[in-house]
Amino acid sequence: MTIRDRIAETRFRVRYAETDQMGFAHHSNHLIWFEVARLEFFRELGLSYERLERESQTFLPVVEINCRYMKPLFYDREFVIRTRLKRLGRRGMTFGYRIVDPTGNVNYARGESRHIATNRNGRPCTFPNDFLRACRPDDVP
């Protein structure tokens, strides 16, 4: 299995505070849910975003993000975000997301986020080798 084949599944339930006047999950929450799912993806690899920041002073700002809404999510609806790493380079990465019902039969939304590695001053840098090894062990010496 390659890193691109790995799919992390994170379960959620729409909370009342996340809905709008029409009872739909507000569109802005999808981006927050993507972030939570992305961090869970890292955890499944044995990586910690907090440790990446603290130990190597490497940060992963979002430089581009999109979401295509296909069906509304309502209050108390359970859903799953399927997260995968679509692209990994020495200085950046792209994640893909699918929001589906727990059975995978209903697609609510899909999206993508692109990130670059930066140092504390916001300058682009390369990922630490241990981070790259965890993401793609066969490609890094």
N, C-alpha and C. Protein backbone atom coordinates (compact mmCIF):
# COMPACT_ATOMS: atom_id res chain seq x y z
N MET A 1 0.85 -1.18 0.00
CA MET A 1 0.00 0.00 0.00
C MET A 1 0.89 1.24 0.00
N THR A 2 0.61 2.16 -0.90
CA THR A 2 1.35 3.42 -0.91
C THR A 2 0.57 4.46 -0.11
N ILE A 3 1.24 5.57 0.16
CA ILE A 3 0.58 6.63 0.93
C ILE A 3 -0.67 7.14 0.20
N ARG A 4 -0.64 7.12 -1.12
CA ARG A 4 -1.81 7.60 -1.87
C ARG A 4 -3.00 6.65 -1.78
N ASP A 5 -2.72 5.40 -1.40
CA ASP A 5 -3.80 4.43 -1.23
C ASP A 5 -4.43 4.51 0.16
N ARG A 6 -3.71 5.13 1.10
CA ARG A 6 -4.19 5.20 2.48
C ARG A 6 -5.34 6.20 2.58
N ILE A 7 -6.41 5.78 3.17
CA ILE A 7 -7.56 6.66 3.39
C ILE A 7 -7.90 6.61 4.87
N ALA A 8 -7.87 7.76 5.50
CA ALA A 8 -8.26 7.85 6.91
C ALA A 8 -9.73 8.24 6.96
N GLU A 9 -10.47 7.60 7.84
CA GLU A 9 -11.88 7.92 8.01
C GLU A 9 -12.09 8.53 9.39
N THR A 10 -12.70 9.71 9.40
CA THR A 10 -12.98 10.42 10.64
C THR A 10 -14.49 10.62 10.74
N ARG A 11 -15.07 10.18 11.84
CA ARG A 11 -16.53 10.29 12.03
C ARG A 11 -16.90 11.59 12.74
N PHE A 12 -18.00 12.16 12.30
CA PHE A 12 -18.53 13.39 12.88
C PHE A 12 -20.04 13.26 13.02
N ARG A 13 -20.60 14.21 13.75
CA ARG A 13 -22.05 14.38 13.82
C ARG A 13 -22.30 15.88 13.81
N VAL A 14 -23.23 16.34 12.99
CA VAL A 14 -23.51 17.77 12.90
C VAL A 14 -24.12 18.25 14.21
N ARG A 15 -23.47 19.22 14.82
CA ARG A 15 -23.96 19.79 16.07
C ARG A 15 -24.92 20.95 15.75
N TYR A 16 -25.81 21.21 16.68
CA TYR A 16 -26.82 22.26 16.47
C TYR A 16 -26.15 23.61 16.16
N ALA A 17 -25.07 23.92 16.87
CA ALA A 17 -24.37 25.21 16.67
C ALA A 17 -23.75 25.32 15.28
N GLU A 18 -23.64 24.21 14.56
CA GLU A 18 -23.04 24.22 13.23
C GLU A 18 -24.07 24.40 12.12
N THR A 19 -25.33 24.58 12.50
CA THR A 19 -26.37 24.72 11.48
C THR A 19 -26.77 26.18 11.28
N ASP A 20 -27.36 26.44 10.13
CA ASP A 20 -27.83 27.79 9.83
C ASP A 20 -29.34 27.86 10.05
N GLN A 21 -29.93 28.96 9.67
CA GLN A 21 -31.37 29.17 9.89
C GLN A 21 -32.23 28.14 9.16
N MET A 22 -31.71 27.58 8.07
CA MET A 22 -32.46 26.58 7.31
C MET A 22 -32.29 25.17 7.87
N GLY A 23 -31.45 25.03 8.89
CA GLY A 23 -31.20 23.72 9.48
C GLY A 23 -30.09 22.94 8.81
N PHE A 24 -29.44 23.54 7.81
CA PHE A 24 -28.31 22.91 7.13
C PHE A 24 -27.04 23.17 7.93
N ALA A 25 -26.08 22.26 7.82
CA ALA A 25 -24.75 22.54 8.35
C ALA A 25 -24.21 23.72 7.54
N HIS A 26 -23.76 24.77 8.22
CA HIS A 26 -23.24 25.95 7.54
C HIS A 26 -22.01 25.57 6.73
N HIS A 27 -21.91 26.14 5.54
CA HIS A 27 -20.84 25.76 4.60
C HIS A 27 -19.43 25.97 5.17
N SER A 28 -19.25 26.93 6.05
CA SER A 28 -17.91 27.20 6.59
C SER A 28 -17.40 26.05 7.46
N ASN A 29 -18.30 25.26 8.03
CA ASN A 29 -17.88 24.15 8.89
C ASN A 29 -17.14 23.06 8.13
N HIS A 30 -17.42 22.92 6.86
CA HIS A 30 -16.77 21.87 6.08
C HIS A 30 -15.25 22.04 6.09
N LEU A 31 -14.78 23.28 6.02
CA LEU A 31 -13.34 23.53 6.03
C LEU A 31 -12.73 23.19 7.39
N ILE A 32 -13.46 23.45 8.45
CA ILE A 32 -13.00 23.08 9.80
C ILE A 32 -12.95 21.56 9.92
N TRP A 33 -13.98 20.88 9.42
CA TRP A 33 -14.00 19.43 9.47
C TRP A 33 -12.84 18.85 8.65
N PHE A 34 -12.51 19.47 7.51
CA PHE A 34 -11.36 19.02 6.73
C PHE A 34 -10.09 19.08 7.57
N GLU A 35 -9.93 20.16 8.32
CA GLU A 35 -8.73 20.30 9.14
C GLU A 35 -8.65 19.20 10.20
N VAL A 36 -9.75 18.94 10.87
CA VAL A 36 -9.77 17.89 11.88
C VAL A 36 -9.42 16.54 11.23
N ALA A 37 -10.01 16.26 10.09
CA ALA A 37 -9.75 15.00 9.39
C ALA A 37 -8.29 14.90 8.95
N ARG A 38 -7.72 16.00 8.52
CA ARG A 38 -6.30 16.03 8.11
C ARG A 38 -5.39 15.71 9.30
N LEU A 39 -5.68 16.27 10.46
CA LEU A 39 -4.88 15.99 11.64
C LEU A 39 -5.02 14.52 12.07
N GLU A 40 -6.20 13.95 11.91
CA GLU A 40 -6.40 12.53 12.21
C GLU A 40 -5.63 11.66 11.23
N PHE A 41 -5.55 12.09 9.97
CA PHE A 41 -4.75 11.38 8.98
C PHE A 41 -3.30 11.32 9.45
N PHE A 42 -2.76 12.45 9.91
CA PHE A 42 -1.39 12.48 10.43
C PHE A 42 -1.23 11.55 11.63
N ARG A 43 -2.20 11.58 12.52
CA ARG A 43 -2.11 10.71 13.72
C ARG A 43 -2.04 9.24 13.33
N GLU A 44 -2.82 8.86 12.32
CA GLU A 44 -2.79 7.46 11.87
C GLU A 44 -1.43 7.07 11.30
N LEU A 45 -0.67 8.04 10.83
CA LEU A 45 0.69 7.79 10.34
C LEU A 45 1.72 7.83 11.47
N GLY A 46 1.25 8.16 12.68
CA GLY A 46 2.16 8.29 13.81
C GLY A 46 2.83 9.66 13.85
N LEU A 47 2.23 10.63 13.16
CA LEU A 47 2.78 11.98 13.11
C LEU A 47 1.93 12.92 13.95
N SER A 48 2.57 13.96 14.44
CA SER A 48 1.88 14.97 15.20
C SER A 48 2.21 16.34 14.61
N TYR A 49 1.20 17.06 14.21
CA TYR A 49 1.42 18.41 13.67
C TYR A 49 2.07 19.30 14.73
N GLU A 50 1.64 19.14 15.96
CA GLU A 50 2.20 19.94 17.06
C GLU A 50 3.70 19.64 17.22
N ARG A 51 4.07 18.37 17.12
CA ARG A 51 5.48 18.00 17.24
C ARG A 51 6.29 18.51 16.05
N LEU A 52 5.71 18.48 14.86
CA LEU A 52 6.37 19.01 13.66
C LEU A 52 6.71 20.49 13.88
N GLU A 53 5.76 21.24 14.41
CA GLU A 53 5.99 22.66 14.68
C GLU A 53 7.06 22.86 15.76
N ARG A 54 6.90 22.14 16.86
CA ARG A 54 7.78 22.33 18.01
C ARG A 54 9.21 21.86 17.75
N GLU A 55 9.36 20.66 17.20
CA GLU A 55 10.70 20.08 17.06
C GLU A 55 11.46 20.56 15.83
N SER A 56 10.77 20.79 14.73
CA SER A 56 11.50 21.17 13.51
C SER A 56 11.18 22.58 13.04
N GLN A 57 10.29 23.26 13.79
CA GLN A 57 9.90 24.63 13.40
C GLN A 57 9.37 24.67 11.97
N THR A 58 8.64 23.61 11.59
CA THR A 58 8.03 23.52 10.26
C THR A 58 6.52 23.65 10.41
N PHE A 59 5.93 24.49 9.58
CA PHE A 59 4.50 24.78 9.63
C PHE A 59 3.87 24.43 8.29
N LEU A 60 2.57 24.18 8.29
CA LEU A 60 1.86 23.76 7.08
C LEU A 60 0.67 24.67 6.79
N PRO A 61 0.90 25.92 6.41
CA PRO A 61 -0.25 26.77 6.12
C PRO A 61 -1.01 26.29 4.88
N VAL A 62 -2.30 26.54 4.91
CA VAL A 62 -3.14 26.27 3.74
C VAL A 62 -2.89 27.38 2.73
N VAL A 63 -2.57 27.01 1.50
CA VAL A 63 -2.37 28.02 0.46
C VAL A 63 -3.51 27.99 -0.56
N GLU A 64 -4.28 26.92 -0.54
CA GLU A 64 -5.45 26.84 -1.42
C GLU A 64 -6.39 25.78 -0.85
N ILE A 65 -7.68 26.08 -0.90
CA ILE A 65 -8.67 25.11 -0.41
C ILE A 65 -9.95 25.29 -1.19
N ASN A 66 -10.64 24.18 -1.42
CA ASN A 66 -11.94 24.27 -2.10
C ASN A 66 -12.85 23.18 -1.57
N CYS A 67 -14.13 23.40 -1.77
CA CYS A 67 -15.14 22.44 -1.36
C CYS A 67 -16.29 22.50 -2.35
N ARG A 68 -16.69 21.35 -2.83
CA ARG A 68 -17.86 21.24 -3.72
C ARG A 68 -18.96 20.60 -2.90
N TYR A 69 -20.03 21.35 -2.70
CA TYR A 69 -21.16 20.89 -1.89
C TYR A 69 -22.15 20.16 -2.80
N MET A 70 -22.48 18.95 -2.44
CA MET A 70 -23.36 18.15 -3.29
C MET A 70 -24.74 17.91 -2.68
N LYS A 71 -24.78 17.78 -1.36
CA LYS A 71 -26.03 17.54 -0.65
C LYS A 71 -25.91 18.16 0.73
N PRO A 72 -26.98 18.73 1.25
CA PRO A 72 -26.88 19.35 2.58
C PRO A 72 -26.79 18.31 3.70
N LEU A 73 -26.09 18.69 4.73
CA LEU A 73 -26.05 17.92 5.96
C LEU A 73 -26.94 18.64 6.97
N PHE A 74 -27.70 17.90 7.75
CA PHE A 74 -28.62 18.48 8.71
C PHE A 74 -28.18 18.18 10.13
N TYR A 75 -28.77 18.89 11.07
CA TYR A 75 -28.49 18.71 12.49
C TYR A 75 -28.59 17.23 12.88
N ASP A 76 -27.63 16.78 13.66
CA ASP A 76 -27.54 15.44 14.24
C ASP A 76 -27.26 14.35 13.21
N ARG A 77 -27.00 14.73 11.97
CA ARG A 77 -26.68 13.75 10.94
C ARG A 77 -25.24 13.27 11.15
N GLU A 78 -25.04 11.97 11.14
CA GLU A 78 -23.70 11.41 11.25
C GLU A 78 -23.10 11.33 9.85
N PHE A 79 -21.79 11.60 9.77
CA PHE A 79 -21.10 11.52 8.49
C PHE A 79 -19.64 11.17 8.70
N VAL A 80 -18.99 10.83 7.63
CA VAL A 80 -17.59 10.42 7.66
C VAL A 80 -16.83 11.27 6.65
N ILE A 81 -15.62 11.68 7.04
CA ILE A 81 -14.74 12.32 6.06
C ILE A 81 -13.64 11.34 5.74
N ARG A 82 -13.51 11.03 4.47
CA ARG A 82 -12.44 10.17 3.97
C ARG A 82 -11.33 11.07 3.44
N THR A 83 -10.18 10.97 4.06
CA THR A 83 -9.06 11.85 3.74
C THR A 83 -7.93 11.04 3.13
N ARG A 84 -7.34 11.57 2.08
CA ARG A 84 -6.17 10.92 1.50
C ARG A 84 -5.16 11.96 1.06
N LEU A 85 -3.91 11.57 1.04
CA LEU A 85 -2.84 12.43 0.58
C LEU A 85 -2.73 12.24 -0.92
N LYS A 86 -3.05 13.28 -1.68
CA LYS A 86 -3.04 13.18 -3.14
C LYS A 86 -1.66 13.45 -3.72
N ARG A 87 -0.90 14.33 -3.06
CA ARG A 87 0.42 14.69 -3.58
C ARG A 87 1.32 15.05 -2.41
N LEU A 88 2.56 14.60 -2.50
CA LEU A 88 3.55 14.94 -1.49
C LEU A 88 4.86 15.26 -2.20
N GLY A 89 5.35 16.46 -1.97
CA GLY A 89 6.65 16.87 -2.49
C GLY A 89 7.55 17.21 -1.32
N ARG A 90 8.73 17.66 -1.60
CA ARG A 90 9.67 18.02 -0.53
C ARG A 90 9.25 19.30 0.18
N ARG A 91 8.43 20.12 -0.48
CA ARG A 91 8.03 21.41 0.11
C ARG A 91 6.52 21.62 0.21
N GLY A 92 5.75 20.64 -0.17
CA GLY A 92 4.31 20.84 -0.12
C GLY A 92 3.54 19.54 -0.22
N MET A 93 2.24 19.63 0.04
CA MET A 93 1.38 18.46 -0.02
C MET A 93 -0.05 18.90 -0.33
N THR A 94 -0.80 17.97 -0.91
CA THR A 94 -2.20 18.20 -1.24
C THR A 94 -3.04 17.06 -0.69
N PHE A 95 -4.11 17.40 0.01
CA PHE A 95 -5.04 16.42 0.56
C PHE A 95 -6.35 16.46 -0.20
N GLY A 96 -6.99 15.31 -0.34
CA GLY A 96 -8.33 15.21 -0.90
C GLY A 96 -9.28 14.73 0.19
N TYR A 97 -10.51 15.23 0.15
CA TYR A 97 -11.51 14.90 1.16
C TYR A 97 -12.82 14.52 0.49
N ARG A 98 -13.51 13.54 1.06
CA ARG A 98 -14.88 13.20 0.65
C ARG A 98 -15.71 13.10 1.91
N ILE A 99 -16.81 13.84 1.93
CA ILE A 99 -17.75 13.74 3.05
C ILE A 99 -18.90 12.86 2.58
N VAL A 100 -19.08 11.75 3.30
CA VAL A 100 -20.08 10.76 2.91
C VAL A 100 -20.88 10.33 4.13
N ASP A 101 -22.00 9.64 3.89
CA ASP A 101 -22.72 9.05 5.01
C ASP A 101 -21.92 7.84 5.50
N PRO A 102 -22.22 7.32 6.68
CA PRO A 102 -21.42 6.22 7.23
C PRO A 102 -21.35 4.98 6.34
N THR A 103 -22.32 4.77 5.47
CA THR A 103 -22.27 3.61 4.57
C THR A 103 -21.46 3.90 3.30
N GLY A 104 -21.18 5.18 3.06
CA GLY A 104 -20.45 5.56 1.86
C GLY A 104 -21.33 5.69 0.62
N ASN A 105 -22.65 5.55 0.80
CA ASN A 105 -23.55 5.60 -0.35
C ASN A 105 -24.00 6.99 -0.74
N VAL A 106 -23.92 7.95 0.19
CA VAL A 106 -24.37 9.32 -0.08
C VAL A 106 -23.16 10.25 -0.01
N ASN A 107 -22.95 11.01 -1.06
CA ASN A 107 -21.86 11.99 -1.10
C ASN A 107 -22.41 13.36 -0.76
N TYR A 108 -21.90 13.95 0.32
CA TYR A 108 -22.34 15.28 0.73
C TYR A 108 -21.45 16.38 0.16
N ALA A 109 -20.15 16.12 0.12
CA ALA A 109 -19.23 17.15 -0.38
C ALA A 109 -17.88 16.50 -0.67
N ARG A 110 -17.09 17.22 -1.44
CA ARG A 110 -15.70 16.80 -1.66
C ARG A 110 -14.85 18.05 -1.73
N GLY A 111 -13.59 17.90 -1.40
CA GLY A 111 -12.73 19.06 -1.42
C GLY A 111 -11.27 18.70 -1.49
N GLU A 112 -10.47 19.73 -1.46
CA GLU A 112 -9.03 19.57 -1.56
C GLU A 112 -8.37 20.73 -0.84
N SER A 113 -7.24 20.46 -0.20
CA SER A 113 -6.45 21.55 0.40
C SER A 113 -5.00 21.36 0.01
N ARG A 114 -4.35 22.47 -0.29
CA ARG A 114 -2.93 22.46 -0.67
C ARG A 114 -2.17 23.22 0.40
N HIS A 115 -1.01 22.68 0.79
CA HIS A 115 -0.21 23.22 1.88
C HIS A 115 1.24 23.31 1.45
N ILE A 116 1.94 24.30 1.97
CA ILE A 116 3.38 24.36 1.77
C ILE A 116 4.06 24.32 3.13
N ALA A 117 5.27 23.81 3.14
CA ALA A 117 6.07 23.80 4.36
C ALA A 117 6.75 25.15 4.49
N THR A 118 6.64 25.76 5.67
CA THR A 118 7.31 27.03 5.93
C THR A 118 8.03 26.96 7.26
N ASN A 119 8.99 27.87 7.43
CA ASN A 119 9.63 28.01 8.74
C ASN A 119 8.81 28.99 9.57
N ARG A 120 9.25 29.28 10.76
CA ARG A 120 8.51 30.16 11.67
C ARG A 120 8.26 31.54 11.07
N ASN A 121 9.16 31.99 10.19
CA ASN A 121 9.02 33.32 9.57
C ASN A 121 8.14 33.30 8.32
N GLY A 122 7.58 32.15 7.99
CA GLY A 122 6.70 32.06 6.83
C GLY A 122 7.42 31.84 5.52
N ARG A 123 8.71 31.58 5.57
CA ARG A 123 9.49 31.31 4.36
C ARG A 123 9.36 29.83 3.99
N PRO A 124 9.17 29.52 2.70
CA PRO A 124 9.10 28.11 2.29
C PRO A 124 10.37 27.37 2.69
N CYS A 125 10.20 26.12 3.08
CA CYS A 125 11.32 25.26 3.45
C CYS A 125 10.99 23.84 3.02
N THR A 126 11.90 22.92 3.23
CA THR A 126 11.62 21.52 2.92
C THR A 126 11.16 20.81 4.18
N PHE A 127 10.40 19.75 3.99
CA PHE A 127 9.96 18.94 5.12
C PHE A 127 11.16 18.23 5.73
N PRO A 128 11.16 18.02 7.04
CA PRO A 128 12.21 17.21 7.65
C PRO A 128 12.17 15.78 7.08
N ASN A 129 13.32 15.14 6.97
CA ASN A 129 13.37 13.79 6.40
C ASN A 129 12.54 12.79 7.18
N ASP A 130 12.49 12.89 8.52
CA ASP A 130 11.69 11.94 9.29
C ASP A 130 10.20 12.07 8.97
N PHE A 131 9.77 13.30 8.70
CA PHE A 131 8.37 13.53 8.31
C PHE A 131 8.11 12.87 6.95
N LEU A 132 9.00 13.10 5.99
CA LEU A 132 8.85 12.49 4.66
C LEU A 132 8.90 10.97 4.74
N ARG A 133 9.79 10.44 5.58
CA ARG A 133 9.90 8.97 5.74
C ARG A 133 8.57 8.39 6.24
N ALA A 134 7.95 9.08 7.18
CA ALA A 134 6.68 8.59 7.72
C ALA A 134 5.58 8.63 6.66
N CYS A 135 5.65 9.62 5.78
CA CYS A 135 4.63 9.77 4.74
C CYS A 135 4.87 8.85 3.55
N ARG A 136 6.13 8.63 3.21
CA ARG A 136 6.47 7.77 2.07
C ARG A 136 7.80 7.06 2.33
N PRO A 137 7.78 6.04 3.14
CA PRO A 137 9.01 5.40 3.61
C PRO A 137 9.91 4.86 2.51
N ASP A 138 9.38 4.49 1.36
CA ASP A 138 10.20 3.90 0.30
C ASP A 138 10.95 4.92 -0.53
N ASP A 139 10.57 6.21 -0.42
CA ASP A 139 11.14 7.24 -1.29
C ASP A 139 12.25 8.06 -0.66
N VAL A 140 12.47 7.94 0.65
CA VAL A 140 13.41 8.82 1.34
C VAL A 140 14.55 7.99 1.92
N PRO A 141 15.81 8.40 1.68
CA PRO A 141 16.94 7.63 2.22
C PRO A 141 17.01 7.69 3.74
